[in-house]
Amino acid sequence: MRLIAVGIASTIAVGFVTLLSGHLDPVPAGPVPAVALPPAPVTPTPPPRPSRTPGPADTNTGTNTDAGDPALAPADKPLLLANGRQQPLRVKVPRRAKGRYAVAPGGARPPGRKGKVIRYAVEVERGLPFDVAEFASEVHRILNDPRGWGFRFRRVARGPVSFRVSLTSPRTADRRCLPLRVVSVLSCWNGERAVINADRWNTGAWGYGRDVASYREYVVNHEVGHALGHGHVPCPGPGRRAPLMLQQTKSLSGCRPNPWPFPGARSSRTS
């Protein structure tokens, strides 16, 4: 009787092990295969906020009112604000472009009827992502601003000129500015061209923060100031307005940024 009970127990145990082994898959050697997960739930994207026209609160030039980095703003969104000004969108600037310039076609006369007229030309290095006509228009506006150098600047496409304003890739600027060393960062005056470094035109400089629009005015006026015979000057004191011919791209040296030769001048200077 005892032998029959032991045999029955052995049979049940073997059957139970066989039952379990029939439902366990062996673990394969090597890496564990990836497991497909169910797709994550899709969150609806909210509609973009409509653009707005800057109101009186946006015209305070002492307050940085932009909401983010212009480099991150897609082209289909409104321009960001800094110091009450709309800012240009940043683009990808190549370190080296074609090395040859495209001259802005046509010309532009200066405003007003009185004052010395200075002829100049505008160029953009081929291969840069900037429109020649747009750059030329901005340079002409800056040079003939009432707060500028006080001359009447006339842009021409041919014939003799006093200087050229040339938007230039960083590596070409290194070559054009010799013997000055601009290390692909700075702009320069090389005796015939105000060489504007395209990186600086695109992103500005530390002292101007996100106000690239004001920095553009500074760099054009500063390099053209060299063309007019002006040299560098120091900061007159901490907290004072920077002279235009201070090397503001390198450092403000305690001064406040200033992009104009005569920042307090009125529009009547060009009438």
C-alpha atoms as a PDB file:
ATOM      1  CA  MET A   1       0.000   0.000   0.000  1.00  0.00           C
ATOM      2  CA  ARG A   2       2.863   2.356   0.922  1.00  0.00           C
ATOM      3  CA  LEU A   3       4.610   1.613  -2.394  1.00  0.00           C
ATOM      4  CA  ILE A   4       1.439   2.505  -4.324  1.00  0.00           C
ATOM      5  CA  ALA A   5       1.192   5.882  -2.506  1.00  0.00           C
ATOM      6  CA  VAL A   6       4.836   6.740  -3.261  1.00  0.00           C
ATOM      7  CA  GLY A   7       4.357   5.871  -6.925  1.00  0.00           C
ATOM      8  CA  ILE A   8       1.254   8.042  -7.204  1.00  0.00           C
ATOM      9  CA  ALA A   9       3.084  10.993  -5.581  1.00  0.00           C
ATOM     10  CA  SER A  10       6.038  10.621  -7.952  1.00  0.00           C
ATOM     11  CA  THR A  11       3.736  10.535 -10.954  1.00  0.00           C
ATOM     12  CA  ILE A  12       1.925  13.721  -9.842  1.00  0.00           C
ATOM     13  CA  ALA A  13       5.227  15.571  -9.276  1.00  0.00           C
ATOM     14  CA  VAL A  14       6.608  14.644 -12.698  1.00  0.00           C
ATOM     15  CA  GLY A  15       3.369  15.692 -14.377  1.00  0.00           C
ATOM     16  CA  PHE A  16       3.388  19.029 -12.557  1.00  0.00           C
ATOM     17  CA  VAL A  17       6.963  19.791 -13.646  1.00  0.00           C
ATOM     18  CA  THR A  18       6.125  18.772 -17.203  1.00  0.00           C
ATOM     19  CA  LEU A  19       3.083  21.079 -17.122  1.00  0.00           C
ATOM     20  CA  LEU A  20       5.195  24.046 -15.984  1.00  0.00           C
ATOM     21  CA  SER A  21       8.002  23.402 -18.469  1.00  0.00           C
ATOM     22  CA  GLY A  22       5.527  23.375 -21.295  1.00  0.00           C
ATOM     23  CA  HIS A  23       4.555  27.043 -20.553  1.00  0.00           C
ATOM     24  CA  LEU A  24       8.008  28.580 -19.977  1.00  0.00           C
ATOM     25  CA  ASP A  25       9.889  29.908 -23.022  1.00  0.00           C
ATOM     26  CA  PRO A  26      13.653  29.479 -22.872  1.00  0.00           C
ATOM     27  CA  VAL A  27      15.695  32.727 -22.560  1.00  0.00           C
ATOM     28  CA  PRO A  28      17.675  33.184 -25.762  1.00  0.00           C
ATOM     29  CA  ALA A  29      21.373  33.953 -25.673  1.00  0.00           C
ATOM     30  CA  GLY A  30      22.527  37.412 -26.693  1.00  0.00           C
ATOM     31  CA  PRO A  31      20.766  40.827 -26.405  1.00  0.00           C
ATOM     32  CA  VAL A  32      17.162  41.013 -25.318  1.00  0.00           C
ATOM     33  CA  PRO A  33      14.920  41.912 -28.248  1.00  0.00           C
ATOM     34  CA  ALA A  34      13.204  45.296 -28.151  1.00  0.00           C
ATOM     35  CA  VAL A  35       9.618  45.407 -27.022  1.00  0.00           C
ATOM     36  CA  ALA A  36       7.130  47.416 -29.034  1.00  0.00           C
ATOM     37  CA  LEU A  37       5.306  49.861 -26.768  1.00  0.00           C
ATOM     38  CA  PRO A  38       1.852  51.222 -27.456  1.00  0.00           C
ATOM     39  CA  PRO A  39       1.894  54.696 -28.999  1.00  0.00           C
ATOM     40  CA  ALA A  40       1.912  57.577 -26.524  1.00  0.00           C
ATOM     41  CA  PRO A  41      -1.221  59.703 -26.357  1.00  0.00           C
ATOM     42  CA  VAL A  42      -1.043  62.753 -28.626  1.00  0.00           C
ATOM     43  CA  THR A  43      -1.542  66.100 -26.933  1.00  0.00           C
ATOM     44  CA  PRO A  44      -3.221  68.639 -29.242  1.00  0.00           C
ATOM     45  CA  THR A  45      -0.950  71.568 -30.140  1.00  0.00           C
ATOM     46  CA  PRO A  46      -2.521  74.880 -29.107  1.00  0.00           C
ATOM     47  CA  PRO A  47      -3.017  77.414 -31.905  1.00  0.00           C
ATOM     48  CA  PRO A  48      -0.281  80.098 -32.146  1.00  0.00           C
ATOM     49  CA  ARG A  49      -0.950  83.341 -30.396  1.00  0.00           C
ATOM     50  CA  PRO A  50      -1.694  86.210 -32.799  1.00  0.00           C
ATOM     51  CA  SER A  51       0.944  88.873 -33.164  1.00  0.00           C
ATOM     52  CA  ARG A  52       0.318  92.255 -31.647  1.00  0.00           C
ATOM     53  CA  THR A  53       1.382  95.783 -32.412  1.00  0.00           C
ATOM     54  CA  PRO A  54       3.787  97.109 -29.793  1.00  0.00           C
ATOM     55  CA  GLY A  55       2.010  99.463 -27.454  1.00  0.00           C
ATOM     56  CA  PRO A  56       3.314 102.361 -25.358  1.00  0.00           C
ATOM     57  CA  ALA A  57       4.771  99.986 -22.764  1.00  0.00           C
ATOM     58  CA  ASP A  58       7.088  98.535 -25.403  1.00  0.00           C
ATOM     59  CA  THR A  59       8.755 101.855 -26.210  1.00  0.00           C
ATOM     60  CA  ASN A  60      10.694 102.074 -22.947  1.00  0.00           C
ATOM     61  CA  THR A  61      14.248 101.851 -24.208  1.00  0.00           C
ATOM     62  CA  GLY A  62      15.539 100.986 -20.755  1.00  0.00           C
ATOM     63  CA  THR A  63      13.675  97.696 -20.488  1.00  0.00           C
ATOM     64  CA  ASN A  64      14.411  94.463 -22.262  1.00  0.00           C
ATOM     65  CA  THR A  65      10.941  93.254 -23.241  1.00  0.00           C
ATOM     66  CA  ASP A  66      11.780  90.294 -25.441  1.00  0.00           C
ATOM     67  CA  ALA A  67      10.509  86.870 -24.421  1.00  0.00           C
ATOM     68  CA  GLY A  68      13.313  84.671 -25.725  1.00  0.00           C
ATOM     69  CA  ASP A  69      16.348  84.265 -27.918  1.00  0.00           C
ATOM     70  CA  PRO A  70      15.800  85.475 -31.522  1.00  0.00           C
ATOM     71  CA  ALA A  71      17.963  82.572 -32.690  1.00  0.00           C
ATOM     72  CA  LEU A  72      15.205  80.186 -31.595  1.00  0.00           C
ATOM     73  CA  ALA A  73      12.318  82.034 -33.243  1.00  0.00           C
ATOM     74  CA  PRO A  74      10.973  80.391 -36.413  1.00  0.00           C
ATOM     75  CA  ALA A  75      10.574  82.549 -39.470  1.00  0.00           C
ATOM     76  CA  ASP A  76       6.757  82.409 -39.373  1.00  0.00           C
ATOM     77  CA  LYS A  77       6.521  84.084 -35.953  1.00  0.00           C
ATOM     78  CA  PRO A  78       6.571  87.824 -35.251  1.00  0.00           C
ATOM     79  CA  LEU A  79       9.911  89.427 -34.520  1.00  0.00           C
ATOM     80  CA  LEU A  80      10.906  89.634 -30.877  1.00  0.00           C
ATOM     81  CA  LEU A  81      11.394  92.849 -28.978  1.00  0.00           C
ATOM     82  CA  ALA A  82      14.430  94.120 -27.111  1.00  0.00           C
ATOM     83  CA  ASN A  83      14.630  97.592 -25.607  1.00  0.00           C
ATOM     84  CA  GLY A  84      11.343  98.443 -27.279  1.00  0.00           C
ATOM     85  CA  ARG A  85      12.610  97.575 -30.768  1.00  0.00           C
ATOM     86  CA  GLN A  86      11.725  94.773 -33.109  1.00  0.00           C
ATOM     87  CA  GLN A  87      14.759  92.578 -33.629  1.00  0.00           C
ATOM     88  CA  PRO A  88      15.946  90.845 -36.786  1.00  0.00           C
ATOM     89  CA  LEU A  89      15.710  87.067 -36.832  1.00  0.00           C
ATOM     90  CA  ARG A  90      19.038  85.295 -36.682  1.00  0.00           C
ATOM     91  CA  VAL A  91      20.191  83.107 -39.533  1.00  0.00           C
ATOM     92  CA  LYS A  92      22.960  80.572 -40.023  1.00  0.00           C
ATOM     93  CA  VAL A  93      26.092  82.409 -41.140  1.00  0.00           C
ATOM     94  CA  PRO A  94      28.857  80.369 -42.813  1.00  0.00           C
ATOM     95  CA  ARG A  95      32.357  80.816 -41.464  1.00  0.00           C
ATOM     96  CA  ARG A  96      33.618  81.280 -45.024  1.00  0.00           C
ATOM     97  CA  ALA A  97      31.769  82.511 -48.115  1.00  0.00           C
ATOM     98  CA  LYS A  98      32.808  83.074 -51.749  1.00  0.00           C
ATOM     99  CA  GLY A  99      35.380  85.794 -51.123  1.00  0.00           C
ATOM    100  CA  ARG A 100      33.849  88.026 -53.814  1.00  0.00           C
ATOM    101  CA  TYR A 101      31.367  90.844 -53.292  1.00  0.00           C
ATOM    102  CA  ALA A 102      28.058  91.697 -54.910  1.00  0.00           C
ATOM    103  CA  VAL A 103      27.615  95.475 -55.110  1.00  0.00           C
ATOM    104  CA  ALA A 104      24.187  96.836 -54.249  1.00  0.00           C
ATOM    105  CA  PRO A 105      22.650  97.969 -57.553  1.00  0.00           C
ATOM    106  CA  GLY A 106      21.220 101.402 -58.202  1.00  0.00           C
ATOM    107  CA  GLY A 107      21.754 104.121 -55.666  1.00  0.00           C
ATOM    108  CA  ALA A 108      20.168 106.180 -52.919  1.00  0.00           C
ATOM    109  CA  ARG A 109      20.274 109.921 -52.447  1.00  0.00           C
ATOM    110  CA  PRO A 110      20.660 111.497 -49.029  1.00  0.00           C
ATOM    111  CA  PRO A 111      17.875 113.518 -47.415  1.00  0.00           C
ATOM    112  CA  GLY A 112      18.023 117.284 -47.107  1.00  0.00           C
ATOM    113  CA  ARG A 113      19.641 119.931 -49.250  1.00  0.00           C
ATOM    114  CA  LYS A 114      22.516 121.244 -47.153  1.00  0.00           C
ATOM    115  CA  GLY A 115      25.747 119.652 -46.074  1.00  0.00           C
ATOM    116  CA  LYS A 116      28.701 117.879 -47.617  1.00  0.00           C
ATOM    117  CA  VAL A 117      27.790 114.892 -49.798  1.00  0.00           C
ATOM    118  CA  ILE A 118      29.930 111.758 -49.448  1.00  0.00           C
ATOM    119  CA  ARG A 119      29.676 109.011 -52.049  1.00  0.00           C
ATOM    120  CA  TYR A 120      29.911 105.431 -50.861  1.00  0.00           C
ATOM    121  CA  ALA A 121      29.072 101.896 -52.024  1.00  0.00           C
ATOM    122  CA  VAL A 122      27.594  98.862 -50.270  1.00  0.00           C
ATOM    123  CA  GLU A 123      28.636  95.251 -50.861  1.00  0.00           C
ATOM    124  CA  VAL A 124      27.663  91.818 -49.544  1.00  0.00           C
ATOM    125  CA  GLU A 125      30.001  88.855 -49.893  1.00  0.00           C
ATOM    126  CA  ARG A 126      28.513  86.243 -52.198  1.00  0.00           C
ATOM    127  CA  GLY A 127      27.343  83.162 -50.323  1.00  0.00           C
ATOM    128  CA  LEU A 128      26.089  85.016 -47.245  1.00  0.00           C
ATOM    129  CA  PRO A 129      22.395  84.628 -46.298  1.00  0.00           C
ATOM    130  CA  PHE A 130      21.680  88.363 -46.430  1.00  0.00           C
ATOM    131  CA  ASP A 131      19.859  90.239 -49.162  1.00  0.00           C
ATOM    132  CA  VAL A 132      22.055  92.875 -50.808  1.00  0.00           C
ATOM    133  CA  ALA A 133      19.246  95.411 -51.242  1.00  0.00           C
ATOM    134  CA  GLU A 134      18.042  95.026 -47.649  1.00  0.00           C
ATOM    135  CA  PHE A 135      21.537  95.446 -46.234  1.00  0.00           C
ATOM    136  CA  ALA A 136      22.132  98.498 -48.444  1.00  0.00           C
ATOM    137  CA  SER A 137      18.859 100.076 -47.335  1.00  0.00           C
ATOM    138  CA  GLU A 138      19.705  99.581 -43.663  1.00  0.00           C
ATOM    139  CA  VAL A 139      23.209 101.025 -44.070  1.00  0.00           C
ATOM    140  CA  HIS A 140      21.821 104.067 -45.899  1.00  0.00           C
ATOM    141  CA  ARG A 141      19.252 104.652 -43.145  1.00  0.00           C
ATOM    142  CA  ILE A 142      21.922 104.427 -40.445  1.00  0.00           C
ATOM    143  CA  LEU A 143      24.407 106.734 -42.140  1.00  0.00           C
ATOM    144  CA  ASN A 144      21.814 109.417 -42.851  1.00  0.00           C
ATOM    145  CA  ASP A 145      20.164 109.327 -39.431  1.00  0.00           C
ATOM    146  CA  PRO A 146      20.128 112.763 -37.721  1.00  0.00           C
ATOM    147  CA  ARG A 147      22.194 111.270 -34.886  1.00  0.00           C
ATOM    148  CA  GLY A 148      24.890 110.195 -37.353  1.00  0.00           C
ATOM    149  CA  TRP A 149      28.103 111.852 -38.542  1.00  0.00           C
ATOM    150  CA  GLY A 150      26.407 114.965 -39.923  1.00  0.00           C
ATOM    151  CA  PHE A 151      27.209 114.402 -43.605  1.00  0.00           C
ATOM    152  CA  ARG A 152      24.867 113.573 -46.454  1.00  0.00           C
ATOM    153  CA  PHE A 153      25.798 110.074 -47.605  1.00  0.00           C
ATOM    154  CA  ARG A 154      24.923 109.138 -51.171  1.00  0.00           C
ATOM    155  CA  ARG A 155      25.046 105.485 -52.129  1.00  0.00           C
ATOM    156  CA  VAL A 156      26.219 104.686 -55.672  1.00  0.00           C
ATOM    157  CA  ALA A 157      26.836 101.472 -57.594  1.00  0.00           C
ATOM    158  CA  ARG A 158      29.728 102.688 -59.740  1.00  0.00           C
ATOM    159  CA  GLY A 159      32.245 105.457 -60.011  1.00  0.00           C
ATOM    160  CA  PRO A 160      34.618 106.846 -57.384  1.00  0.00           C
ATOM    161  CA  VAL A 161      33.617 106.464 -53.735  1.00  0.00           C
ATOM    162  CA  SER A 162      35.105 107.572 -50.420  1.00  0.00           C
ATOM    163  CA  PHE A 163      34.584 104.154 -48.869  1.00  0.00           C
ATOM    164  CA  ARG A 164      32.714 100.873 -49.130  1.00  0.00           C
ATOM    165  CA  VAL A 165      30.595  99.173 -46.477  1.00  0.00           C
ATOM    166  CA  SER A 166      31.156  95.455 -47.000  1.00  0.00           C
ATOM    167  CA  LEU A 167      29.253  92.688 -45.202  1.00  0.00           C
ATOM    168  CA  THR A 168      31.839  89.910 -44.909  1.00  0.00           C
ATOM    169  CA  SER A 169      32.058  86.332 -43.622  1.00  0.00           C
ATOM    170  CA  PRO A 170      34.306  85.814 -40.555  1.00  0.00           C
ATOM    171  CA  ARG A 171      37.120  84.036 -42.417  1.00  0.00           C
ATOM    172  CA  THR A 172      37.154  86.562 -45.249  1.00  0.00           C
ATOM    173  CA  ALA A 173      37.224  89.334 -42.641  1.00  0.00           C
ATOM    174  CA  ASP A 174      40.382  87.757 -41.217  1.00  0.00           C
ATOM    175  CA  ARG A 175      42.026  88.196 -44.602  1.00  0.00           C
ATOM    176  CA  ARG A 176      40.541  91.583 -45.522  1.00  0.00           C
ATOM    177  CA  CYS A 177      41.487  93.158 -42.186  1.00  0.00           C
ATOM    178  CA  LEU A 178      45.186  92.235 -42.209  1.00  0.00           C
ATOM    179  CA  PRO A 179      47.520  93.320 -40.683  1.00  0.00           C
ATOM    180  CA  LEU A 180      44.849  93.766 -37.995  1.00  0.00           C
ATOM    181  CA  ARG A 181      43.924  90.501 -36.300  1.00  0.00           C
ATOM    182  CA  VAL A 182      40.147  90.267 -35.945  1.00  0.00           C
ATOM    183  CA  VAL A 183      40.186  86.498 -35.150  1.00  0.00           C
ATOM    184  CA  SER A 184      36.945  85.910 -37.091  1.00  0.00           C
ATOM    185  CA  VAL A 185      35.081  87.935 -34.460  1.00  0.00           C
ATOM    186  CA  LEU A 186      35.587  91.656 -35.011  1.00  0.00           C
ATOM    187  CA  SER A 187      34.917  94.129 -37.812  1.00  0.00           C
ATOM    188  CA  CYS A 188      37.473  96.622 -39.104  1.00  0.00           C
ATOM    189  CA  TRP A 189      38.392  99.508 -41.366  1.00  0.00           C
ATOM    190  CA  ASN A 190      41.084  98.401 -43.816  1.00  0.00           C
ATOM    191  CA  GLY A 191      41.761 101.651 -45.620  1.00  0.00           C
ATOM    192  CA  GLU A 192      39.066 101.313 -48.272  1.00  0.00           C
ATOM    193  CA  ARG A 193      36.346  99.143 -46.752  1.00  0.00           C
ATOM    194  CA  ALA A 194      34.334  99.197 -43.564  1.00  0.00           C
ATOM    195  CA  VAL A 195      34.462  95.412 -43.210  1.00  0.00           C
ATOM    196  CA  ILE A 196      31.366  94.371 -41.247  1.00  0.00           C
ATOM    197  CA  ASN A 197      31.731  90.894 -39.778  1.00  0.00           C
ATOM    198  CA  ALA A 198      28.586  88.949 -40.741  1.00  0.00           C
ATOM    199  CA  ASP A 199      28.580  87.103 -37.412  1.00  0.00           C
ATOM    200  CA  ARG A 200      28.399  90.396 -35.545  1.00  0.00           C
ATOM    201  CA  TRP A 201      25.705  91.693 -37.902  1.00  0.00           C
ATOM    202  CA  ASN A 202      23.740  88.521 -37.181  1.00  0.00           C
ATOM    203  CA  THR A 203      24.097  88.230 -33.392  1.00  0.00           C
ATOM    204  CA  GLY A 204      25.339  91.564 -32.053  1.00  0.00           C
ATOM    205  CA  ALA A 205      27.745  91.806 -29.130  1.00  0.00           C
ATOM    206  CA  TRP A 206      27.660  91.086 -25.410  1.00  0.00           C
ATOM    207  CA  GLY A 207      27.338  94.708 -24.327  1.00  0.00           C
ATOM    208  CA  TYR A 208      24.147  95.167 -26.353  1.00  0.00           C
ATOM    209  CA  GLY A 209      22.486  91.996 -25.075  1.00  0.00           C
ATOM    210  CA  ARG A 210      19.646  90.984 -27.376  1.00  0.00           C
ATOM    211  CA  ASP A 211      19.371  94.417 -28.958  1.00  0.00           C
ATOM    212  CA  VAL A 212      20.937  93.435 -32.271  1.00  0.00           C
ATOM    213  CA  ALA A 213      19.186  96.306 -34.089  1.00  0.00           C
ATOM    214  CA  SER A 214      21.059  98.911 -32.037  1.00  0.00           C
ATOM    215  CA  TYR A 215      24.333  97.030 -32.351  1.00  0.00           C
ATOM    216  CA  ARG A 216      24.007  97.120 -36.133  1.00  0.00           C
ATOM    217  CA  GLU A 217      23.774 100.897 -35.955  1.00  0.00           C
ATOM    218  CA  TYR A 218      26.858 100.986 -33.774  1.00  0.00           C
ATOM    219  CA  VAL A 219      29.075  98.792 -35.935  1.00  0.00           C
ATOM    220  CA  VAL A 220      28.259 100.666 -39.174  1.00  0.00           C
ATOM    221  CA  ASN A 221      28.755 104.088 -37.585  1.00  0.00           C
ATOM    222  CA  HIS A 222      31.944 103.000 -35.811  1.00  0.00           C
ATOM    223  CA  GLU A 223      33.707 101.565 -38.866  1.00  0.00           C
ATOM    224  CA  VAL A 224      32.591 104.455 -41.075  1.00  0.00           C
ATOM    225  CA  GLY A 225      33.920 106.730 -38.325  1.00  0.00           C
ATOM    226  CA  HIS A 226      37.364 105.289 -39.050  1.00  0.00           C
ATOM    227  CA  ALA A 227      36.809 106.011 -42.746  1.00  0.00           C
ATOM    228  CA  LEU A 228      36.133 109.636 -41.776  1.00  0.00           C
ATOM    229  CA  GLY A 229      39.405 109.819 -39.837  1.00  0.00           C
ATOM    230  CA  HIS A 230      38.302 109.109 -36.252  1.00  0.00           C
ATOM    231  CA  GLY A 231      40.337 106.907 -33.928  1.00  0.00           C
ATOM    232  CA  HIS A 232      39.430 104.921 -30.837  1.00  0.00           C
ATOM    233  CA  VAL A 233      38.612 106.665 -27.552  1.00  0.00           C
ATOM    234  CA  PRO A 234      38.201 105.319 -23.985  1.00  0.00           C
ATOM    235  CA  CYS A 235      35.132 105.224 -21.763  1.00  0.00           C
ATOM    236  CA  PRO A 236      34.901 108.607 -19.937  1.00  0.00           C
ATOM    237  CA  GLY A 237      33.680 106.988 -16.715  1.00  0.00           C
ATOM    238  CA  PRO A 238      31.500 104.245 -15.216  1.00  0.00           C
ATOM    239  CA  GLY A 239      27.827 104.685 -16.050  1.00  0.00           C
ATOM    240  CA  ARG A 240      28.514 107.341 -18.680  1.00  0.00           C
ATOM    241  CA  ARG A 241      27.255 106.993 -22.234  1.00  0.00           C
ATOM    242  CA  ALA A 242      29.877 105.268 -24.379  1.00  0.00           C
ATOM    243  CA  PRO A 243      31.504 107.367 -27.081  1.00  0.00           C
ATOM    244  CA  LEU A 244      30.791 105.868 -30.485  1.00  0.00           C
ATOM    245  CA  MET A 245      34.498 105.337 -31.131  1.00  0.00           C
ATOM    246  CA  LEU A 246      34.927 103.230 -27.989  1.00  0.00           C
ATOM    247  CA  GLN A 247      35.531  99.624 -29.049  1.00  0.00           C
ATOM    248  CA  GLN A 248      32.124  98.554 -27.772  1.00  0.00           C
ATOM    249  CA  THR A 249      32.273  95.136 -29.422  1.00  0.00           C
ATOM    250  CA  LYS A 250      35.179  94.198 -27.157  1.00  0.00           C
ATOM    251  CA  SER A 251      33.947  95.847 -23.962  1.00  0.00           C
ATOM    252  CA  LEU A 252      31.919  98.803 -22.733  1.00  0.00           C
ATOM    253  CA  SER A 253      34.525  99.335 -19.969  1.00  0.00           C
ATOM    254  CA  GLY A 254      31.794 100.414 -17.558  1.00  0.00           C
ATOM    255  CA  CYS A 255      30.010 102.735 -19.995  1.00  0.00           C
ATOM    256  CA  ARG A 256      26.444 102.390 -21.280  1.00  0.00           C
ATOM    257  CA  PRO A 257      26.017 101.252 -24.907  1.00  0.00           C
ATOM    258  CA  ASN A 258      25.581 103.975 -27.502  1.00  0.00           C
ATOM    259  CA  PRO A 259      25.406 103.465 -31.294  1.00  0.00           C
ATOM    260  CA  TRP A 260      25.478 107.130 -32.415  1.00  0.00           C
ATOM    261  CA  PRO A 261      28.095 109.858 -32.859  1.00  0.00           C
ATOM    262  CA  PHE A 262      25.600 112.533 -31.774  1.00  0.00           C
ATOM    263  CA  PRO A 263      22.829 110.719 -29.861  1.00  0.00           C
ATOM    264  CA  GLY A 264      21.091 113.928 -28.808  1.00  0.00           C
ATOM    265  CA  ALA A 265      20.827 115.428 -32.293  1.00  0.00           C
ATOM    266  CA  ARG A 266      17.443 116.317 -33.744  1.00  0.00           C
ATOM    267  CA  SER A 267      16.011 115.597 -37.180  1.00  0.00           C
ATOM    268  CA  SER A 268      16.457 119.242 -38.202  1.00  0.00           C
ATOM    269  CA  ARG A 269      20.153 118.519 -38.800  1.00  0.00           C
ATOM    270  CA  THR A 270      19.276 116.937 -42.179  1.00  0.00           C
ATOM    271  CA  SER A 271      16.703 119.488 -43.311  1.00  0.00           C
END
